[in-house]
Amino acid sequence: MTAPYAPHDPVPDLDPPPGRTPLGRLVRLGLGWMLVIVGALTVPTPVPVGLPMVAVGLYLLARESKTVRRVIRERRRALPGFSRRLNRIKHRVPRGVRRMIEATDPLPQGEAGE
């Protein structure tokens, strides 16, 4: 049984910095979707570039879209082993990736049970 879900999307560091334009957001969203689609198509190839492309694409999409963060949070809730692995490695990744892992964590920070 999983802990009750408590949304905690407002992560101050994920708010867009001042000066971001709607055109720039559109470009980042388009690039994110392109990376996810091309990465998904190249996952079965012998060259292991598909999964990193999908991961980078999801990162770009999650930085720009609360809906994508919500979907990632729901997937992490459905895959608790994957979510635990992400939480275990978050102290070894760059700060932006760490903030994204925390923003999509299905459990509030106090209930993470590390």
Protein backbone atom coordinates (compact mmCIF):
# COMPACT_ATOMS: atom_id res chain seq x y z
CA MET A 1 0.00 0.00 0.00
CA THR A 2 1.36 3.38 -0.94
CA ALA A 3 1.18 6.53 1.13
CA PRO A 4 -1.59 9.01 0.32
CA TYR A 5 -0.73 11.41 -2.42
CA ALA A 6 -0.16 15.00 -1.44
CA PRO A 7 0.56 17.28 -4.39
CA HIS A 8 3.60 19.45 -3.90
CA ASP A 9 4.19 20.91 -7.31
CA PRO A 10 5.14 24.45 -6.23
CA VAL A 11 8.91 24.08 -6.23
CA PRO A 12 10.34 27.61 -6.18
CA ASP A 13 13.37 26.72 -8.29
CA LEU A 14 11.16 25.43 -11.13
CA ASP A 15 9.41 28.74 -11.60
CA PRO A 16 10.63 30.24 -14.86
CA PRO A 17 13.32 32.84 -14.36
CA PRO A 18 12.48 36.39 -15.42
CA GLY A 19 13.10 37.13 -19.06
CA ARG A 20 11.90 33.84 -20.50
CA THR A 21 9.81 34.43 -23.59
CA PRO A 22 6.79 32.47 -24.83
CA LEU A 23 8.70 31.75 -28.05
CA GLY A 24 11.59 30.26 -26.07
CA ARG A 25 9.15 28.11 -24.11
CA LEU A 26 7.60 26.88 -27.35
CA VAL A 27 11.05 26.01 -28.71
CA ARG A 28 11.96 24.09 -25.54
CA LEU A 29 8.65 22.21 -25.60
CA GLY A 30 9.10 21.34 -29.28
CA LEU A 31 12.67 20.17 -28.71
CA GLY A 32 11.55 18.11 -25.71
CA TRP A 33 8.81 16.35 -27.68
CA MET A 34 11.16 15.77 -30.61
CA LEU A 35 13.75 14.16 -28.31
CA VAL A 36 11.11 11.95 -26.65
CA ILE A 37 9.71 10.76 -29.99
CA VAL A 38 13.07 10.19 -31.72
CA GLY A 39 14.46 8.59 -28.56
CA ALA A 40 11.47 6.23 -28.30
CA LEU A 41 11.94 5.24 -31.92
CA THR A 42 15.67 4.56 -31.45
CA VAL A 43 15.41 2.59 -28.18
CA PRO A 44 15.41 -0.81 -29.98
CA THR A 45 18.50 0.00 -32.05
CA PRO A 46 21.88 -1.49 -31.10
CA VAL A 47 23.37 1.95 -30.39
CA PRO A 48 22.22 2.95 -26.87
CA VAL A 49 21.12 6.52 -27.52
CA GLY A 50 17.34 6.16 -27.24
CA LEU A 51 16.93 6.15 -23.45
CA PRO A 52 19.18 9.15 -22.81
CA MET A 53 17.30 11.07 -25.52
CA VAL A 54 13.97 10.22 -23.89
CA ALA A 55 15.33 11.24 -20.46
CA VAL A 56 16.61 14.61 -21.73
CA GLY A 57 13.36 15.21 -23.61
CA LEU A 58 11.29 14.47 -20.51
CA TYR A 59 13.52 16.77 -18.47
CA LEU A 60 12.93 19.64 -20.94
CA LEU A 61 9.20 18.98 -21.02
CA ALA A 62 8.93 18.77 -17.23
CA ARG A 63 10.83 22.05 -16.82
CA GLU A 64 8.20 23.79 -18.95
CA SER A 65 4.94 21.98 -18.16
CA LYS A 66 3.11 21.29 -14.90
CA THR A 67 1.04 18.69 -16.74
CA VAL A 68 4.15 16.71 -17.70
CA ARG A 69 5.42 16.94 -14.10
CA ARG A 70 2.06 15.58 -12.91
CA VAL A 71 2.19 12.69 -15.38
CA ILE A 72 5.78 11.85 -14.37
CA ARG A 73 4.75 11.99 -10.71
CA GLU A 74 1.87 9.56 -11.41
CA ARG A 75 4.22 7.17 -13.25
CA ARG A 76 6.70 7.33 -10.37
CA ARG A 77 3.86 6.52 -7.96
CA ALA A 78 2.95 3.50 -10.10
CA LEU A 79 6.62 2.38 -10.23
CA PRO A 80 7.87 2.77 -6.63
CA GLY A 81 11.12 0.87 -7.28
CA PHE A 82 12.07 3.26 -10.07
CA SER A 83 11.14 6.22 -7.88
CA ARG A 84 13.32 4.93 -5.02
CA ARG A 85 16.27 4.54 -7.41
CA LEU A 86 15.85 8.11 -8.63
CA ASN A 87 15.75 9.36 -5.04
CA ARG A 88 18.89 7.36 -4.25
CA ILE A 89 20.93 8.92 -7.06
CA LYS A 90 19.63 12.48 -6.83
CA HIS A 91 22.53 13.64 -4.63
CA ARG A 92 24.97 12.65 -7.42
CA VAL A 93 23.34 14.50 -10.32
CA PRO A 94 23.49 18.18 -11.32
CA ARG A 95 21.38 20.61 -9.30
CA GLY A 96 18.77 21.14 -12.04
CA VAL A 97 18.19 17.40 -12.42
CA ARG A 98 18.03 17.00 -8.63
CA ARG A 99 15.35 19.71 -8.44
CA MET A 100 13.38 17.92 -11.16
CA ILE A 101 13.61 14.61 -9.30
CA GLU A 102 12.33 16.36 -6.17
CA ALA A 103 9.57 18.17 -8.08
CA THR A 104 8.25 14.90 -9.52
CA ASP A 105 8.61 12.90 -6.29
CA PRO A 106 5.21 11.33 -5.54
CA LEU A 107 5.78 11.62 -1.78
CA PRO A 108 6.18 14.88 0.09
CA GLN A 109 9.73 15.49 1.34
CA GLY A 110 8.89 14.50 4.93
CA GLU A 111 7.44 11.13 3.89
CA ALA A 112 10.12 10.06 1.41
CA GLY A 113 11.26 7.27 3.77
CA GLU A 114 14.89 7.16 2.73
